[in-house]
Protein backbone atom coordinates (compact mmCIF):
# COMPACT_ATOMS: atom_id res chain seq x y z
CA UNK A 1 0.00 0.00 0.00
CA UNK A 2 1.16 3.51 -0.67
CA UNK A 3 -0.41 6.93 -0.43
CA UNK A 4 -2.38 6.72 -3.66
CA UNK A 5 -2.87 2.95 -3.76
CA UNK A 6 -0.71 2.92 -6.89
CA UNK A 7 2.97 2.49 -7.48
CA UNK A 8 5.20 4.74 -5.33
CA UNK A 9 5.14 8.35 -6.41
CA UNK A 10 8.10 10.08 -7.96
CA UNK A 11 10.24 12.31 -5.81
CA UNK A 12 10.23 15.91 -6.97
CA UNK A 13 11.92 19.01 -5.66
CA UNK A 14 8.49 20.49 -4.90
CA UNK A 15 7.77 17.89 -2.24
CA UNK A 16 7.65 19.12 1.33
CA UNK A 17 10.24 18.05 3.84
CA UNK A 18 8.69 16.10 6.72
CA UNK A 19 9.95 14.88 10.07
CA UNK A 20 8.54 11.65 11.50
CA UNK A 21 8.98 10.54 15.09
CA UNK A 22 8.31 6.94 16.08
CA UNK A 23 7.03 6.32 19.57
CA UNK A 24 8.92 3.92 21.82
CA UNK A 25 11.33 2.55 19.21
CA UNK A 26 14.68 1.16 20.42
CA UNK A 27 13.97 2.32 23.99
CA UNK A 28 14.83 -0.14 26.73
CA UNK A 29 15.24 -2.95 24.20
CA UNK A 30 11.65 -2.61 22.99
CA UNK A 31 10.41 -2.37 19.40
CA UNK A 32 13.84 -2.74 17.88
CA UNK A 33 14.38 -1.51 14.34
CA UNK A 34 17.63 -0.59 12.65
CA UNK A 35 17.65 2.92 11.24
CA UNK A 36 19.04 1.54 7.96
CA UNK A 37 15.95 -0.70 7.73
CA UNK A 38 13.72 2.25 8.51
CA UNK A 39 15.33 4.37 5.78
CA UNK A 40 15.01 1.50 3.28
CA UNK A 41 11.35 1.08 4.29
CA UNK A 42 10.65 4.77 3.58
CA UNK A 43 12.41 4.53 0.22
CA UNK A 44 10.34 1.47 -0.78
CA UNK A 45 7.20 3.50 -0.01
CA UNK A 46 8.37 6.15 -2.49
CA UNK A 47 9.27 8.76 0.11
CA UNK A 48 12.17 10.93 -0.96
CA UNK A 49 15.63 11.35 0.53
CA UNK A 50 15.06 9.50 3.86
CA UNK A 51 17.59 10.35 6.58
CA UNK A 52 17.66 9.33 10.22
CA UNK A 53 18.98 10.87 13.42
CA UNK A 54 20.05 8.82 16.42
CA UNK A 55 18.66 5.32 17.01
CA UNK A 56 15.33 6.27 18.58
CA UNK A 57 13.10 6.63 15.53
CA UNK A 58 13.68 10.10 14.10
CA UNK A 59 13.51 10.37 10.31
CA UNK A 60 13.40 13.17 7.77
CA UNK A 61 12.05 12.63 4.26
CA UNK A 62 10.20 14.35 1.42
CA UNK A 63 6.61 13.77 0.31
CA UNK A 64 3.69 15.64 -1.19
CA UNK A 65 1.14 13.91 1.09
CA UNK A 66 -0.35 15.53 4.18
CA UNK A 67 1.11 14.67 7.60
CA UNK A 68 -2.16 12.93 8.61
CA UNK A 69 -2.08 10.69 5.52
CA UNK A 70 1.59 9.95 6.08
CA UNK A 71 0.99 8.96 9.70
CA UNK A 72 -1.81 6.55 8.79
CA UNK A 73 0.15 5.02 5.92
CA UNK A 74 3.40 4.69 7.89
CA UNK A 75 1.67 3.06 10.87
CA UNK A 76 -0.12 0.52 8.66
CA UNK A 77 2.90 -0.24 6.49
CA UNK A 78 5.35 -0.49 9.40
CA UNK A 79 3.15 -3.15 10.94
CA UNK A 80 2.84 -5.07 7.69
CA UNK A 81 6.36 -4.71 6.29
CA UNK A 82 8.52 -4.39 9.41
CA UNK A 83 6.39 -6.16 12.01
CA UNK A 84 6.61 -2.90 13.97
CA UNK A 85 3.54 -1.76 15.89
CA UNK A 86 4.14 1.88 16.79
CA UNK A 87 2.70 5.34 16.45
CA UNK A 88 4.16 7.86 13.99
CA UNK A 89 4.04 11.62 14.55
CA UNK A 90 4.69 13.58 11.34
CA UNK A 91 5.32 17.32 11.08
CA UNK A 92 6.31 19.39 8.08
CA UNK A 93 9.57 21.37 8.25
CA UNK A 94 7.42 24.50 8.46
CA UNK A 95 5.53 23.11 11.47
CA UNK A 96 8.87 22.16 13.02
CA UNK A 97 10.13 25.74 12.69
CA UNK A 98 6.98 26.86 14.50
CA UNK A 99 7.64 24.36 17.32
CA UNK A 100 11.10 25.86 17.79
CA UNK A 101 9.88 29.47 17.53
CA UNK A 102 7.05 28.97 20.06
CA UNK A 103 9.20 27.48 22.80
CA UNK A 104 8.04 29.19 26.01
CA UNK A 105 11.17 28.12 27.92
CA UNK A 106 13.96 30.12 26.27
CA UNK A 107 16.17 30.30 29.37
CA UNK A 108 15.91 26.54 29.97
CA UNK A 109 16.62 25.84 26.30
CA UNK A 110 19.87 27.78 26.64
CA UNK A 111 20.97 26.56 30.08
CA UNK A 112 19.66 22.97 30.29
CA UNK A 113 18.44 21.77 26.87
CA UNK A 114 18.59 18.06 27.73
CA UNK A 115 15.93 18.59 30.44
CA UNK A 116 13.54 20.49 28.17
CA UNK A 117 11.24 18.11 26.32
CA UNK A 118 8.76 18.74 23.54
CA UNK A 119 5.88 16.27 23.48
CA UNK A 120 4.52 15.81 19.97
CA UNK A 121 0.84 14.92 20.30
CA UNK A 122 -1.64 13.18 17.99
CA UNK A 123 -4.40 15.67 18.78
CA UNK A 124 -4.47 19.06 20.45
CA UNK A 125 -5.70 18.67 24.03
CA UNK A 126 -8.43 20.93 25.34
CA UNK A 127 -7.54 23.67 27.82
CA UNK A 128 -9.19 21.81 30.72
CA UNK A 129 -6.99 18.75 30.15
CA UNK A 130 -3.87 20.91 30.10
CA UNK A 131 -4.91 22.60 33.37
CA UNK A 132 -5.62 19.18 34.94
CA UNK A 133 -2.15 17.95 33.94
CA UNK A 134 -0.52 21.08 35.35
CA UNK A 135 -2.44 20.67 38.61
CA UNK A 136 -1.44 16.99 38.90
CA UNK A 137 2.30 17.69 38.81
CA UNK A 138 3.89 16.79 42.16
CA UNK A 139 7.50 17.68 41.33
CA UNK A 140 9.32 20.75 39.97
CA UNK A 141 8.26 20.10 36.35
CA UNK A 142 6.46 22.81 34.40
CA UNK A 143 4.20 22.18 31.38
CA UNK A 144 3.03 24.63 28.73
CA UNK A 145 0.93 23.41 25.81
CA UNK A 146 -0.27 24.86 22.56
CA UNK A 147 -1.85 23.04 19.63
CA UNK A 148 -0.43 19.55 19.17
CA UNK A 149 2.69 20.23 21.26
CA UNK A 150 3.52 20.40 24.95
CA UNK A 151 6.77 21.81 26.32
CA UNK A 152 7.96 20.37 29.62
CA UNK A 153 10.89 21.32 31.81
CA UNK A 154 12.37 18.65 34.08
CA UNK A 155 14.78 20.65 36.28
CA UNK A 156 15.43 17.68 38.62
CA UNK A 157 15.93 15.25 35.73
CA UNK A 158 13.67 13.07 33.60
CA UNK A 159 14.55 9.54 34.75
CA UNK A 160 13.11 9.79 38.26
CA UNK A 161 10.25 12.15 37.46
CA UNK A 162 6.71 11.02 38.15
CA UNK A 163 5.58 13.06 35.14
CA UNK A 164 5.90 10.17 32.69
CA UNK A 165 4.66 9.77 29.13
CA UNK A 166 1.86 7.51 30.41
CA UNK A 167 0.67 10.20 32.84
CA UNK A 168 0.85 12.87 30.14
CA UNK A 169 -1.09 10.70 27.65
CA UNK A 170 -3.77 9.90 30.23
CA UNK A 171 -4.20 13.46 31.47
CA UNK A 172 -4.20 15.06 28.00
CA UNK A 173 -6.37 12.34 26.46
CA UNK A 174 -4.06 11.79 23.48
CA UNK A 175 -0.89 9.90 22.61
CA UNK A 176 2.45 11.65 22.43
CA UNK A 177 6.16 11.14 22.07
CA UNK A 178 8.86 13.33 23.57
CA UNK A 179 12.17 14.63 22.28
CA UNK A 180 14.63 16.73 24.25
CA UNK A 181 15.52 20.19 23.00
CA UNK A 182 18.90 19.10 21.65
CA UNK A 183 17.20 16.49 19.44
CA UNK A 184 14.52 18.97 18.35
CA UNK A 185 17.22 21.37 17.14
CA UNK A 186 19.23 18.61 15.43
CA UNK A 187 16.15 17.37 13.58
CA UNK A 188 15.35 20.92 12.52
CA UNK A 189 18.86 21.29 11.13
CA UNK A 190 18.62 17.94 9.32
CA UNK A 191 15.31 19.07 7.78
CA UNK A 192 16.79 22.41 6.78
CA UNK A 193 14.40 24.33 9.06
C-alpha atoms as a PDB file:
ATOM      1  CA  UNK A   1       0.000   0.000   0.000  1.00  0.00           C
ATOM      2  CA  UNK A   2       1.158   3.513  -0.669  1.00  0.00           C
ATOM      3  CA  UNK A   3      -0.414   6.928  -0.428  1.00  0.00           C
ATOM      4  CA  UNK A   4      -2.381   6.717  -3.658  1.00  0.00           C
ATOM      5  CA  UNK A   5      -2.873   2.951  -3.760  1.00  0.00           C
ATOM      6  CA  UNK A   6      -0.710   2.916  -6.886  1.00  0.00           C
ATOM      7  CA  UNK A   7       2.975   2.491  -7.478  1.00  0.00           C
ATOM      8  CA  UNK A   8       5.197   4.737  -5.330  1.00  0.00           C
ATOM      9  CA  UNK A   9       5.136   8.353  -6.408  1.00  0.00           C
ATOM     10  CA  UNK A  10       8.100  10.076  -7.963  1.00  0.00           C
ATOM     11  CA  UNK A  11      10.244  12.308  -5.810  1.00  0.00           C
ATOM     12  CA  UNK A  12      10.235  15.913  -6.966  1.00  0.00           C
ATOM     13  CA  UNK A  13      11.921  19.014  -5.664  1.00  0.00           C
ATOM     14  CA  UNK A  14       8.485  20.490  -4.896  1.00  0.00           C
ATOM     15  CA  UNK A  15       7.767  17.887  -2.243  1.00  0.00           C
ATOM     16  CA  UNK A  16       7.647  19.119   1.330  1.00  0.00           C
ATOM     17  CA  UNK A  17      10.243  18.051   3.844  1.00  0.00           C
ATOM     18  CA  UNK A  18       8.692  16.099   6.721  1.00  0.00           C
ATOM     19  CA  UNK A  19       9.947  14.880  10.069  1.00  0.00           C
ATOM     20  CA  UNK A  20       8.538  11.647  11.495  1.00  0.00           C
ATOM     21  CA  UNK A  21       8.979  10.538  15.089  1.00  0.00           C
ATOM     22  CA  UNK A  22       8.306   6.944  16.080  1.00  0.00           C
ATOM     23  CA  UNK A  23       7.025   6.319  19.568  1.00  0.00           C
ATOM     24  CA  UNK A  24       8.918   3.921  21.818  1.00  0.00           C
ATOM     25  CA  UNK A  25      11.327   2.550  19.209  1.00  0.00           C
ATOM     26  CA  UNK A  26      14.677   1.157  20.423  1.00  0.00           C
ATOM     27  CA  UNK A  27      13.971   2.320  23.989  1.00  0.00           C
ATOM     28  CA  UNK A  28      14.832  -0.137  26.735  1.00  0.00           C
ATOM     29  CA  UNK A  29      15.238  -2.947  24.197  1.00  0.00           C
ATOM     30  CA  UNK A  30      11.646  -2.609  22.989  1.00  0.00           C
ATOM     31  CA  UNK A  31      10.409  -2.369  19.396  1.00  0.00           C
ATOM     32  CA  UNK A  32      13.844  -2.743  17.875  1.00  0.00           C
ATOM     33  CA  UNK A  33      14.382  -1.508  14.344  1.00  0.00           C
ATOM     34  CA  UNK A  34      17.633  -0.592  12.650  1.00  0.00           C
ATOM     35  CA  UNK A  35      17.649   2.917  11.245  1.00  0.00           C
ATOM     36  CA  UNK A  36      19.041   1.536   7.961  1.00  0.00           C
ATOM     37  CA  UNK A  37      15.953  -0.701   7.732  1.00  0.00           C
ATOM     38  CA  UNK A  38      13.715   2.250   8.507  1.00  0.00           C
ATOM     39  CA  UNK A  39      15.333   4.367   5.778  1.00  0.00           C
ATOM     40  CA  UNK A  40      15.012   1.505   3.283  1.00  0.00           C
ATOM     41  CA  UNK A  41      11.350   1.078   4.292  1.00  0.00           C
ATOM     42  CA  UNK A  42      10.655   4.768   3.579  1.00  0.00           C
ATOM     43  CA  UNK A  43      12.413   4.529   0.221  1.00  0.00           C
ATOM     44  CA  UNK A  44      10.340   1.475  -0.777  1.00  0.00           C
ATOM     45  CA  UNK A  45       7.200   3.501  -0.015  1.00  0.00           C
ATOM     46  CA  UNK A  46       8.367   6.150  -2.489  1.00  0.00           C
ATOM     47  CA  UNK A  47       9.274   8.762   0.111  1.00  0.00           C
ATOM     48  CA  UNK A  48      12.166  10.932  -0.962  1.00  0.00           C
ATOM     49  CA  UNK A  49      15.627  11.352   0.534  1.00  0.00           C
ATOM     50  CA  UNK A  50      15.063   9.496   3.860  1.00  0.00           C
ATOM     51  CA  UNK A  51      17.589  10.347   6.580  1.00  0.00           C
ATOM     52  CA  UNK A  52      17.661   9.326  10.222  1.00  0.00           C
ATOM     53  CA  UNK A  53      18.981  10.873  13.416  1.00  0.00           C
ATOM     54  CA  UNK A  54      20.052   8.818  16.424  1.00  0.00           C
ATOM     55  CA  UNK A  55      18.655   5.320  17.006  1.00  0.00           C
ATOM     56  CA  UNK A  56      15.329   6.269  18.579  1.00  0.00           C
ATOM     57  CA  UNK A  57      13.100   6.629  15.531  1.00  0.00           C
ATOM     58  CA  UNK A  58      13.677  10.096  14.098  1.00  0.00           C
ATOM     59  CA  UNK A  59      13.512  10.372  10.312  1.00  0.00           C
ATOM     60  CA  UNK A  60      13.401  13.171   7.769  1.00  0.00           C
ATOM     61  CA  UNK A  61      12.050  12.630   4.255  1.00  0.00           C
ATOM     62  CA  UNK A  62      10.201  14.353   1.418  1.00  0.00           C
ATOM     63  CA  UNK A  63       6.613  13.765   0.312  1.00  0.00           C
ATOM     64  CA  UNK A  64       3.690  15.639  -1.192  1.00  0.00           C
ATOM     65  CA  UNK A  65       1.139  13.912   1.091  1.00  0.00           C
ATOM     66  CA  UNK A  66      -0.345  15.528   4.184  1.00  0.00           C
ATOM     67  CA  UNK A  67       1.114  14.670   7.604  1.00  0.00           C
ATOM     68  CA  UNK A  68      -2.156  12.931   8.612  1.00  0.00           C
ATOM     69  CA  UNK A  69      -2.076  10.687   5.519  1.00  0.00           C
ATOM     70  CA  UNK A  70       1.591   9.953   6.077  1.00  0.00           C
ATOM     71  CA  UNK A  71       0.991   8.960   9.704  1.00  0.00           C
ATOM     72  CA  UNK A  72      -1.808   6.547   8.786  1.00  0.00           C
ATOM     73  CA  UNK A  73       0.147   5.025   5.915  1.00  0.00           C
ATOM     74  CA  UNK A  74       3.398   4.686   7.891  1.00  0.00           C
ATOM     75  CA  UNK A  75       1.667   3.058  10.868  1.00  0.00           C
ATOM     76  CA  UNK A  76      -0.121   0.521   8.656  1.00  0.00           C
ATOM     77  CA  UNK A  77       2.898  -0.241   6.487  1.00  0.00           C
ATOM     78  CA  UNK A  78       5.350  -0.490   9.401  1.00  0.00           C
ATOM     79  CA  UNK A  79       3.147  -3.151  10.943  1.00  0.00           C
ATOM     80  CA  UNK A  80       2.839  -5.067   7.693  1.00  0.00           C
ATOM     81  CA  UNK A  81       6.361  -4.709   6.291  1.00  0.00           C
ATOM     82  CA  UNK A  82       8.518  -4.388   9.413  1.00  0.00           C
ATOM     83  CA  UNK A  83       6.388  -6.155  12.015  1.00  0.00           C
ATOM     84  CA  UNK A  84       6.609  -2.903  13.970  1.00  0.00           C
ATOM     85  CA  UNK A  85       3.536  -1.757  15.886  1.00  0.00           C
ATOM     86  CA  UNK A  86       4.144   1.877  16.788  1.00  0.00           C
ATOM     87  CA  UNK A  87       2.698   5.344  16.454  1.00  0.00           C
ATOM     88  CA  UNK A  88       4.156   7.861  13.992  1.00  0.00           C
ATOM     89  CA  UNK A  89       4.044  11.620  14.554  1.00  0.00           C
ATOM     90  CA  UNK A  90       4.691  13.584  11.337  1.00  0.00           C
ATOM     91  CA  UNK A  91       5.323  17.316  11.085  1.00  0.00           C
ATOM     92  CA  UNK A  92       6.314  19.386   8.079  1.00  0.00           C
ATOM     93  CA  UNK A  93       9.565  21.366   8.247  1.00  0.00           C
ATOM     94  CA  UNK A  94       7.417  24.502   8.457  1.00  0.00           C
ATOM     95  CA  UNK A  95       5.526  23.106  11.471  1.00  0.00           C
ATOM     96  CA  UNK A  96       8.873  22.157  13.024  1.00  0.00           C
ATOM     97  CA  UNK A  97      10.130  25.743  12.689  1.00  0.00           C
ATOM     98  CA  UNK A  98       6.984  26.859  14.502  1.00  0.00           C
ATOM     99  CA  UNK A  99       7.641  24.364  17.324  1.00  0.00           C
ATOM    100  CA  UNK A 100      11.104  25.861  17.791  1.00  0.00           C
ATOM    101  CA  UNK A 101       9.883  29.473  17.526  1.00  0.00           C
ATOM    102  CA  UNK A 102       7.050  28.974  20.057  1.00  0.00           C
ATOM    103  CA  UNK A 103       9.204  27.483  22.800  1.00  0.00           C
ATOM    104  CA  UNK A 104       8.040  29.194  26.011  1.00  0.00           C
ATOM    105  CA  UNK A 105      11.170  28.118  27.923  1.00  0.00           C
ATOM    106  CA  UNK A 106      13.961  30.121  26.268  1.00  0.00           C
ATOM    107  CA  UNK A 107      16.169  30.296  29.369  1.00  0.00           C
ATOM    108  CA  UNK A 108      15.910  26.540  29.971  1.00  0.00           C
ATOM    109  CA  UNK A 109      16.622  25.842  26.302  1.00  0.00           C
ATOM    110  CA  UNK A 110      19.871  27.781  26.638  1.00  0.00           C
ATOM    111  CA  UNK A 111      20.971  26.560  30.078  1.00  0.00           C
ATOM    112  CA  UNK A 112      19.661  22.968  30.292  1.00  0.00           C
ATOM    113  CA  UNK A 113      18.440  21.765  26.867  1.00  0.00           C
ATOM    114  CA  UNK A 114      18.593  18.056  27.731  1.00  0.00           C
ATOM    115  CA  UNK A 115      15.931  18.592  30.436  1.00  0.00           C
ATOM    116  CA  UNK A 116      13.543  20.491  28.169  1.00  0.00           C
ATOM    117  CA  UNK A 117      11.240  18.106  26.320  1.00  0.00           C
ATOM    118  CA  UNK A 118       8.758  18.743  23.537  1.00  0.00           C
ATOM    119  CA  UNK A 119       5.882  16.273  23.485  1.00  0.00           C
ATOM    120  CA  UNK A 120       4.516  15.812  19.968  1.00  0.00           C
ATOM    121  CA  UNK A 121       0.838  14.923  20.300  1.00  0.00           C
ATOM    122  CA  UNK A 122      -1.639  13.180  17.991  1.00  0.00           C
ATOM    123  CA  UNK A 123      -4.402  15.671  18.777  1.00  0.00           C
ATOM    124  CA  UNK A 124      -4.468  19.059  20.453  1.00  0.00           C
ATOM    125  CA  UNK A 125      -5.700  18.666  24.035  1.00  0.00           C
ATOM    126  CA  UNK A 126      -8.429  20.930  25.336  1.00  0.00           C
ATOM    127  CA  UNK A 127      -7.535  23.670  27.819  1.00  0.00           C
ATOM    128  CA  UNK A 128      -9.191  21.811  30.716  1.00  0.00           C
ATOM    129  CA  UNK A 129      -6.994  18.745  30.152  1.00  0.00           C
ATOM    130  CA  UNK A 130      -3.867  20.906  30.102  1.00  0.00           C
ATOM    131  CA  UNK A 131      -4.913  22.599  33.368  1.00  0.00           C
ATOM    132  CA  UNK A 132      -5.616  19.180  34.938  1.00  0.00           C
ATOM    133  CA  UNK A 133      -2.148  17.955  33.939  1.00  0.00           C
ATOM    134  CA  UNK A 134      -0.517  21.077  35.349  1.00  0.00           C
ATOM    135  CA  UNK A 135      -2.443  20.667  38.615  1.00  0.00           C
ATOM    136  CA  UNK A 136      -1.443  16.991  38.903  1.00  0.00           C
ATOM    137  CA  UNK A 137       2.300  17.694  38.808  1.00  0.00           C
ATOM    138  CA  UNK A 138       3.886  16.785  42.158  1.00  0.00           C
ATOM    139  CA  UNK A 139       7.503  17.684  41.326  1.00  0.00           C
ATOM    140  CA  UNK A 140       9.316  20.748  39.967  1.00  0.00           C
ATOM    141  CA  UNK A 141       8.265  20.102  36.355  1.00  0.00           C
ATOM    142  CA  UNK A 142       6.462  22.808  34.401  1.00  0.00           C
ATOM    143  CA  UNK A 143       4.200  22.183  31.384  1.00  0.00           C
ATOM    144  CA  UNK A 144       3.031  24.634  28.726  1.00  0.00           C
ATOM    145  CA  UNK A 145       0.925  23.406  25.812  1.00  0.00           C
ATOM    146  CA  UNK A 146      -0.267  24.856  22.556  1.00  0.00           C
ATOM    147  CA  UNK A 147      -1.849  23.040  19.634  1.00  0.00           C
ATOM    148  CA  UNK A 148      -0.426  19.545  19.168  1.00  0.00           C
ATOM    149  CA  UNK A 149       2.686  20.235  21.258  1.00  0.00           C
ATOM    150  CA  UNK A 150       3.517  20.397  24.946  1.00  0.00           C
ATOM    151  CA  UNK A 151       6.766  21.807  26.316  1.00  0.00           C
ATOM    152  CA  UNK A 152       7.962  20.367  29.616  1.00  0.00           C
ATOM    153  CA  UNK A 153      10.886  21.317  31.808  1.00  0.00           C
ATOM    154  CA  UNK A 154      12.367  18.646  34.075  1.00  0.00           C
ATOM    155  CA  UNK A 155      14.781  20.650  36.283  1.00  0.00           C
ATOM    156  CA  UNK A 156      15.427  17.680  38.617  1.00  0.00           C
ATOM    157  CA  UNK A 157      15.926  15.245  35.729  1.00  0.00           C
ATOM    158  CA  UNK A 158      13.672  13.068  33.600  1.00  0.00           C
ATOM    159  CA  UNK A 159      14.546   9.541  34.745  1.00  0.00           C
ATOM    160  CA  UNK A 160      13.107   9.785  38.260  1.00  0.00           C
ATOM    161  CA  UNK A 161      10.247  12.151  37.461  1.00  0.00           C
ATOM    162  CA  UNK A 162       6.712  11.015  38.151  1.00  0.00           C
ATOM    163  CA  UNK A 163       5.582  13.063  35.144  1.00  0.00           C
ATOM    164  CA  UNK A 164       5.898  10.168  32.695  1.00  0.00           C
ATOM    165  CA  UNK A 165       4.659   9.767  29.134  1.00  0.00           C
ATOM    166  CA  UNK A 166       1.864   7.505  30.408  1.00  0.00           C
ATOM    167  CA  UNK A 167       0.669  10.198  32.838  1.00  0.00           C
ATOM    168  CA  UNK A 168       0.846  12.868  30.138  1.00  0.00           C
ATOM    169  CA  UNK A 169      -1.094  10.695  27.654  1.00  0.00           C
ATOM    170  CA  UNK A 170      -3.773   9.903  30.229  1.00  0.00           C
ATOM    171  CA  UNK A 171      -4.197  13.457  31.467  1.00  0.00           C
ATOM    172  CA  UNK A 172      -4.202  15.060  27.999  1.00  0.00           C
ATOM    173  CA  UNK A 173      -6.369  12.337  26.456  1.00  0.00           C
ATOM    174  CA  UNK A 174      -4.061  11.792  23.479  1.00  0.00           C
ATOM    175  CA  UNK A 175      -0.888   9.903  22.615  1.00  0.00           C
ATOM    176  CA  UNK A 176       2.446  11.650  22.429  1.00  0.00           C
ATOM    177  CA  UNK A 177       6.161  11.136  22.073  1.00  0.00           C
ATOM    178  CA  UNK A 178       8.858  13.334  23.566  1.00  0.00           C
ATOM    179  CA  UNK A 179      12.169  14.634  22.284  1.00  0.00           C
ATOM    180  CA  UNK A 180      14.625  16.734  24.254  1.00  0.00           C
ATOM    181  CA  UNK A 181      15.516  20.193  23.000  1.00  0.00           C
ATOM    182  CA  UNK A 182      18.901  19.101  21.647  1.00  0.00           C
ATOM    183  CA  UNK A 183      17.203  16.495  19.442  1.00  0.00           C
ATOM    184  CA  UNK A 184      14.518  18.972  18.354  1.00  0.00           C
ATOM    185  CA  UNK A 185      17.216  21.369  17.143  1.00  0.00           C
ATOM    186  CA  UNK A 186      19.235  18.613  15.431  1.00  0.00           C
ATOM    187  CA  UNK A 187      16.152  17.365  13.578  1.00  0.00           C
ATOM    188  CA  UNK A 188      15.346  20.920  12.518  1.00  0.00           C
ATOM    189  CA  UNK A 189      18.859  21.294  11.133  1.00  0.00           C
ATOM    190  CA  UNK A 190      18.620  17.945   9.323  1.00  0.00           C
ATOM    191  CA  UNK A 191      15.314  19.072   7.779  1.00  0.00           C
ATOM    192  CA  UNK A 192      16.792  22.414   6.781  1.00  0.00           C
ATOM    193  CA  UNK A 193      14.397  24.333   9.055  1.00  0.00           C
END
